[in-house]
Amino acid sequence: MTIVKAGRTFEQLDSIDFGGEAITASLVASDGTLYVRSYDALYAVRAR
């Protein structure tokens, strides 16, 4: 998954490798956390 900054020019902020796992649902954002579901896990991605 690639995280980009919103704007007129492309700016990549980060990249996350889920080890080849398939993402099985829509991403969900809530209170500054992005939730990503695969077949085997639920990931919570937050700003550092």
N, C-alpha and C. Protein backbone atom coordinates (compact mmCIF):
# COMPACT_ATOMS: atom_id res chain seq x y z
N MET A 1 0.85 -1.15 0.00
CA MET A 1 0.00 0.00 0.00
C MET A 1 0.91 1.22 0.00
N THR A 2 0.56 2.21 -0.78
CA THR A 2 1.32 3.46 -0.86
C THR A 2 0.48 4.59 -0.30
N ILE A 3 1.08 5.38 0.59
CA ILE A 3 0.39 6.52 1.18
C ILE A 3 0.92 7.78 0.51
N VAL A 4 0.00 8.58 -0.04
CA VAL A 4 0.38 9.80 -0.73
C VAL A 4 -0.29 11.00 -0.08
N LYS A 5 0.34 12.16 -0.24
CA LYS A 5 -0.20 13.41 0.28
C LYS A 5 -1.22 13.97 -0.71
N ALA A 6 -2.35 14.44 -0.20
CA ALA A 6 -3.35 15.05 -1.06
C ALA A 6 -2.81 16.37 -1.59
N GLY A 7 -3.02 16.63 -2.86
CA GLY A 7 -2.57 17.88 -3.46
C GLY A 7 -2.44 17.74 -4.96
N ARG A 8 -2.00 18.81 -5.60
CA ARG A 8 -1.89 18.84 -7.06
C ARG A 8 -0.66 18.09 -7.57
N THR A 9 0.36 17.95 -6.74
CA THR A 9 1.56 17.23 -7.16
C THR A 9 1.69 15.95 -6.34
N PHE A 10 2.25 14.92 -6.98
CA PHE A 10 2.42 13.63 -6.32
C PHE A 10 3.53 13.70 -5.28
N GLU A 11 3.21 13.32 -4.05
CA GLU A 11 4.21 13.23 -3.00
C GLU A 11 3.93 11.96 -2.19
N GLN A 12 4.83 10.97 -2.31
CA GLN A 12 4.69 9.72 -1.57
C GLN A 12 5.20 9.92 -0.16
N LEU A 13 4.34 9.61 0.82
CA LEU A 13 4.72 9.77 2.23
C LEU A 13 5.30 8.50 2.82
N ASP A 14 4.77 7.35 2.40
CA ASP A 14 5.23 6.08 2.95
C ASP A 14 4.74 4.94 2.08
N SER A 15 5.25 3.76 2.34
CA SER A 15 4.83 2.55 1.66
C SER A 15 4.81 1.42 2.67
N ILE A 16 3.78 0.58 2.61
CA ILE A 16 3.64 -0.52 3.56
C ILE A 16 3.51 -1.82 2.78
N ASP A 17 4.32 -2.81 3.17
CA ASP A 17 4.29 -4.13 2.54
C ASP A 17 3.59 -5.09 3.50
N PHE A 18 2.52 -5.71 3.04
CA PHE A 18 1.77 -6.65 3.86
C PHE A 18 2.21 -8.08 3.60
N GLY A 19 3.39 -8.25 3.07
CA GLY A 19 3.95 -9.59 2.87
C GLY A 19 3.19 -10.43 1.87
N GLY A 20 2.60 -9.80 0.88
CA GLY A 20 1.88 -10.53 -0.15
C GLY A 20 0.46 -10.91 0.23
N GLU A 21 0.00 -10.52 1.42
CA GLU A 21 -1.38 -10.83 1.82
C GLU A 21 -2.37 -10.02 0.99
N ALA A 22 -3.47 -10.65 0.63
CA ALA A 22 -4.52 -9.97 -0.12
C ALA A 22 -5.35 -9.11 0.82
N ILE A 23 -5.63 -7.88 0.40
CA ILE A 23 -6.52 -7.01 1.16
C ILE A 23 -7.94 -7.42 0.79
N THR A 24 -8.76 -7.76 1.80
CA THR A 24 -10.06 -8.39 1.53
C THR A 24 -11.26 -7.49 1.80
N ALA A 25 -11.02 -6.25 2.18
CA ALA A 25 -12.14 -5.36 2.47
C ALA A 25 -11.72 -3.93 2.17
N SER A 26 -12.70 -3.03 2.14
CA SER A 26 -12.40 -1.62 1.96
C SER A 26 -11.62 -1.10 3.16
N LEU A 27 -10.74 -0.14 2.91
CA LEU A 27 -10.00 0.50 3.99
C LEU A 27 -10.97 1.37 4.79
N VAL A 28 -10.74 1.48 6.09
CA VAL A 28 -11.60 2.29 6.95
C VAL A 28 -10.71 3.25 7.74
N ALA A 29 -11.06 4.54 7.75
CA ALA A 29 -10.34 5.54 8.53
C ALA A 29 -11.22 6.01 9.68
N SER A 30 -10.62 6.06 10.89
CA SER A 30 -11.36 6.51 12.06
C SER A 30 -10.39 7.08 13.08
N ASP A 31 -10.63 8.31 13.51
CA ASP A 31 -9.82 8.96 14.56
C ASP A 31 -8.32 8.88 14.30
N GLY A 32 -7.89 9.14 13.08
CA GLY A 32 -6.47 9.16 12.76
C GLY A 32 -5.84 7.79 12.54
N THR A 33 -6.65 6.75 12.49
CA THR A 33 -6.14 5.39 12.25
C THR A 33 -6.77 4.84 10.99
N LEU A 34 -5.95 4.19 10.16
CA LEU A 34 -6.42 3.53 8.95
C LEU A 34 -6.43 2.03 9.22
N TYR A 35 -7.59 1.39 9.07
CA TYR A 35 -7.73 -0.05 9.32
C TYR A 35 -7.73 -0.78 7.99
N VAL A 36 -6.91 -1.84 7.93
CA VAL A 36 -6.74 -2.63 6.70
C VAL A 36 -6.95 -4.09 7.07
N ARG A 37 -7.87 -4.77 6.38
CA ARG A 37 -8.17 -6.17 6.68
C ARG A 37 -7.64 -7.07 5.58
N SER A 38 -6.95 -8.14 6.00
CA SER A 38 -6.53 -9.19 5.07
C SER A 38 -7.24 -10.47 5.48
N TYR A 39 -6.93 -11.58 4.81
CA TYR A 39 -7.55 -12.86 5.19
C TYR A 39 -7.15 -13.27 6.60
N ASP A 40 -5.93 -12.96 7.01
CA ASP A 40 -5.41 -13.46 8.27
C ASP A 40 -5.28 -12.43 9.38
N ALA A 41 -5.45 -11.15 9.08
CA ALA A 41 -5.17 -10.15 10.11
C ALA A 41 -5.96 -8.86 9.87
N LEU A 42 -6.02 -8.05 10.92
CA LEU A 42 -6.55 -6.69 10.85
C LEU A 42 -5.42 -5.77 11.28
N TYR A 43 -5.01 -4.86 10.39
CA TYR A 43 -3.92 -3.95 10.65
C TYR A 43 -4.47 -2.56 11.00
N ALA A 44 -3.82 -1.87 11.93
CA ALA A 44 -4.14 -0.50 12.28
C ALA A 44 -2.91 0.35 11.96
N VAL A 45 -3.06 1.29 11.04
CA VAL A 45 -1.94 2.12 10.60
C VAL A 45 -2.16 3.54 11.13
N ARG A 46 -1.16 4.05 11.87
CA ARG A 46 -1.24 5.40 12.46
C ARG A 46 0.00 6.21 12.08
N ALA A 47 -0.10 7.51 12.19
CA ALA A 47 1.05 8.38 11.97
C ALA A 47 2.09 8.13 13.06
N ARG A 48 3.33 8.32 12.70
CA ARG A 48 4.42 8.13 13.66
C ARG A 48 4.56 9.27 14.57
